[in-house]
Amino acid sequence: MLQMRSFLLWLLVIASATTAPGYMITEPILVRRGRDTAPSGGYALDIGCGTGESTMDVLRNNPGMTLVGIDNDEGAIRHAKKRYGDRNPLFLCRDAGKPVFAPRVFDLVQMRFCLFSIRDENVIHEAWRVMDNDGRLVVIDHDAYAQQALLVLERRFESIDTYTQDGIFSTVYRKKLRKG
């Protein structure tokens, strides 16, 4: 009976999976990352937020956080504002590779299923610049499409925890600080 309950719970989790363009990732990975990584309160930035679902996942698991979701797709941002409002989280149509925020303002930076579309290394440099020295970067993406961006990312960030499931990885990074 216990095995049947576990199986039914597993089916429920799979059925309520969060989808991103063409990919499926189960809720436990996202919940684990959001809950374990984000500080209570604090500020978070969701780069490549699309229509806001990834931003709302962080907020649902960390209701005390102040969040900003940015994406360069005007239609997606319009949809996010219409669906979720525009107070917390705040959704902005911006190029993530151009300076928008003050340095070291965010405790958490998230990039979910967007590395494959990043052609500009400045996006990763900006993520480093706006993240607090003690902050965390959470990257969730598909292994096969993120390798090029990960090479650039790992020049600025150090992996401290990785979880992989079905070709999807979820990695928590911290800043590599310059000496001197």
Protein backbone atom coordinates (compact mmCIF):
# COMPACT_ATOMS: atom_id res chain seq x y z
CA MET A 1 0.00 0.00 0.00
CA LEU A 2 2.83 2.39 0.87
CA GLN A 3 4.53 1.64 -2.46
CA MET A 4 1.28 2.37 -4.30
CA ARG A 5 0.96 5.73 -2.49
CA SER A 6 4.55 6.60 -3.38
CA PHE A 7 3.88 5.69 -6.99
CA LEU A 8 0.69 7.79 -7.09
CA LEU A 9 2.52 10.72 -5.51
CA TRP A 10 5.26 10.34 -8.11
CA LEU A 11 2.63 10.36 -10.88
CA LEU A 12 1.09 13.51 -9.41
CA VAL A 13 4.49 15.21 -9.39
CA ILE A 14 5.14 14.22 -13.00
CA ALA A 15 1.66 15.33 -14.05
CA SER A 16 2.18 18.74 -12.46
CA ALA A 17 5.64 19.18 -13.98
CA THR A 18 6.77 22.63 -14.93
CA THR A 19 7.42 22.96 -18.62
CA ALA A 20 9.75 25.25 -20.47
CA PRO A 21 10.04 25.52 -24.25
CA GLY A 22 10.27 21.87 -25.22
CA TYR A 23 11.58 20.62 -21.88
CA MET A 24 10.04 19.11 -18.80
CA ILE A 25 11.48 19.32 -15.33
CA THR A 26 9.77 17.96 -12.28
CA GLU A 27 8.67 20.21 -9.46
CA PRO A 28 10.96 18.75 -6.74
CA ILE A 29 14.09 20.10 -8.44
CA LEU A 30 12.64 23.58 -8.59
CA VAL A 31 11.19 23.51 -5.09
CA ARG A 32 14.46 22.21 -3.68
CA ARG A 33 16.49 24.93 -5.39
CA GLY A 34 14.12 27.73 -4.46
CA ARG A 35 13.73 26.74 -0.84
CA ASP A 36 17.32 25.73 -0.12
CA THR A 37 19.10 28.53 -1.94
CA ALA A 38 17.19 31.74 -1.44
CA PRO A 39 17.65 33.70 1.76
CA SER A 40 14.61 34.68 3.78
CA GLY A 41 13.73 38.16 2.61
CA GLY A 42 16.34 39.56 0.30
CA TYR A 43 16.30 40.30 -3.41
CA ALA A 44 16.22 37.95 -6.39
CA LEU A 45 16.65 38.43 -10.14
CA ASP A 46 15.21 35.99 -12.68
CA ILE A 47 17.10 36.38 -15.97
CA GLY A 48 15.11 35.15 -18.96
CA CYS A 49 11.89 35.04 -16.96
CA GLY A 50 9.68 34.64 -20.03
CA THR A 51 6.03 34.78 -19.01
CA GLY A 52 6.86 34.74 -15.30
CA GLU A 53 6.33 31.14 -14.22
CA SER A 54 9.95 30.67 -13.12
CA THR A 55 9.85 33.94 -11.17
CA MET A 56 6.64 32.91 -9.43
CA ASP A 57 8.18 29.55 -8.46
CA VAL A 58 10.84 31.44 -6.49
CA LEU A 59 8.24 33.73 -4.88
CA ARG A 60 5.91 30.87 -3.91
CA ASN A 61 8.76 29.16 -2.06
CA ASN A 62 10.16 32.40 -0.61
CA PRO A 63 7.22 34.75 0.01
CA GLY A 64 9.41 37.30 1.83
CA MET A 65 11.67 37.93 -1.16
CA THR A 66 11.50 40.89 -3.49
CA LEU A 67 11.80 39.66 -7.08
CA VAL A 68 12.56 41.15 -10.45
CA GLY A 69 12.04 39.16 -13.64
CA ILE A 70 13.70 40.37 -16.84
CA ASP A 71 13.37 39.17 -20.41
CA ASN A 72 13.98 40.79 -23.79
CA ASP A 73 10.66 39.50 -25.19
CA GLU A 74 8.08 42.30 -24.86
CA GLY A 75 5.14 39.95 -25.42
CA ALA A 76 6.28 37.59 -22.68
CA ILE A 77 6.72 40.47 -20.22
CA ARG A 78 3.29 41.85 -21.12
CA HIS A 79 1.82 38.41 -20.44
CA ALA A 80 3.65 38.15 -17.09
CA LYS A 81 2.40 41.57 -15.97
CA LYS A 82 -1.16 40.75 -17.00
CA ARG A 83 -1.12 37.38 -15.27
CA TYR A 84 0.80 38.24 -12.08
CA GLY A 85 0.58 42.02 -11.71
CA ASP A 86 3.56 44.30 -11.51
CA ARG A 87 4.45 44.86 -7.86
CA ASN A 88 6.20 41.77 -6.55
CA PRO A 89 7.53 40.41 -8.72
CA LEU A 90 8.36 43.35 -10.93
CA PHE A 91 8.66 42.35 -14.60
CA LEU A 92 10.88 44.37 -16.93
CA CYS A 93 11.62 44.09 -20.64
CA ARG A 94 15.41 44.45 -20.64
CA ASP A 95 18.52 43.09 -22.27
CA ALA A 96 20.19 41.10 -19.49
CA GLY A 97 23.61 41.83 -20.99
CA LYS A 98 23.35 45.58 -20.43
CA PRO A 99 23.77 47.25 -17.02
CA VAL A 100 20.38 47.92 -15.47
CA PHE A 101 20.92 47.39 -11.75
CA ALA A 102 23.44 48.57 -9.17
CA PRO A 103 26.33 46.23 -8.35
CA ARG A 104 25.86 43.48 -5.74
CA VAL A 105 22.14 44.14 -5.15
CA PHE A 106 20.73 40.60 -5.58
CA ASP A 107 21.05 37.75 -3.08
CA LEU A 108 19.81 35.24 -5.65
CA VAL A 109 20.06 35.24 -9.44
CA GLN A 110 18.19 32.57 -11.38
CA MET A 111 18.63 31.52 -15.01
CA ARG A 112 16.18 28.83 -16.02
CA PHE A 113 16.09 27.31 -19.50
CA CYS A 114 17.68 30.34 -21.09
CA LEU A 115 21.39 29.49 -21.44
CA PHE A 116 20.82 27.99 -24.89
CA SER A 117 19.61 31.37 -26.14
CA ILE A 118 22.40 33.46 -24.63
CA ARG A 119 24.75 34.56 -27.37
CA ASP A 120 26.21 37.52 -25.48
CA GLU A 121 28.75 36.79 -22.74
CA ASN A 122 27.77 40.09 -21.12
CA VAL A 123 24.67 38.40 -19.70
CA ILE A 124 26.87 36.19 -17.52
CA HIS A 125 29.17 39.08 -16.62
CA GLU A 126 26.11 41.15 -15.63
CA ALA A 127 24.77 38.30 -13.48
CA TRP A 128 28.12 38.27 -11.67
CA ARG A 129 28.14 42.08 -11.28
CA VAL A 130 24.64 42.41 -9.82
CA MET A 131 24.90 39.40 -7.48
CA ASP A 132 25.98 40.04 -3.90
CA ASN A 133 29.39 38.61 -2.99
CA ASP A 134 27.65 36.10 -0.70
CA GLY A 135 24.78 35.51 -3.14
CA ARG A 136 23.92 32.45 -5.17
CA LEU A 137 23.25 31.82 -8.84
CA VAL A 138 20.85 29.00 -9.66
CA VAL A 139 20.99 27.64 -13.21
CA ILE A 140 18.46 25.08 -14.42
CA ASP A 141 18.79 23.98 -18.02
CA HIS A 142 19.09 21.11 -20.47
CA ASP A 143 22.56 19.52 -20.54
CA ALA A 144 22.78 19.26 -24.31
CA TYR A 145 22.12 22.92 -25.06
CA ALA A 146 23.91 24.76 -22.26
CA GLN A 147 27.52 23.61 -22.62
CA GLN A 148 28.84 26.65 -24.50
CA ALA A 149 27.36 29.13 -22.01
CA LEU A 150 28.52 27.02 -19.06
CA LEU A 151 32.15 27.42 -20.17
CA VAL A 152 31.76 31.19 -19.92
CA LEU A 153 29.76 30.97 -16.70
CA GLU A 154 32.38 28.88 -14.96
CA ARG A 155 35.02 31.57 -15.49
CA ARG A 156 33.09 33.81 -13.10
CA PHE A 157 31.24 31.34 -10.86
CA GLU A 158 32.12 28.25 -8.87
CA SER A 159 29.70 25.31 -8.69
CA ILE A 160 28.81 24.35 -5.12
CA ASP A 161 25.93 21.91 -5.72
CA THR A 162 24.55 20.10 -8.76
CA TYR A 163 21.50 17.91 -9.23
CA THR A 164 20.76 16.14 -12.51
CA GLN A 165 17.62 14.33 -13.65
CA ASP A 166 16.64 13.16 -17.14
CA GLY A 167 19.15 15.40 -18.96
CA ILE A 168 18.19 18.48 -16.95
CA PHE A 169 20.69 19.94 -14.51
CA SER A 170 20.18 22.29 -11.60
CA THR A 171 23.38 23.86 -10.30
CA VAL A 172 23.98 26.37 -7.53
CA TYR A 173 26.97 28.64 -8.00
CA ARG A 174 28.78 31.23 -5.92
CA LYS A 175 30.91 34.08 -7.16
CA LYS A 176 34.59 33.70 -7.79
CA LEU A 177 35.97 36.83 -6.18
CA ARG A 178 38.95 38.62 -7.59
CA LYS A 179 42.05 38.69 -5.43
CA GLY A 180 43.40 42.02 -4.29
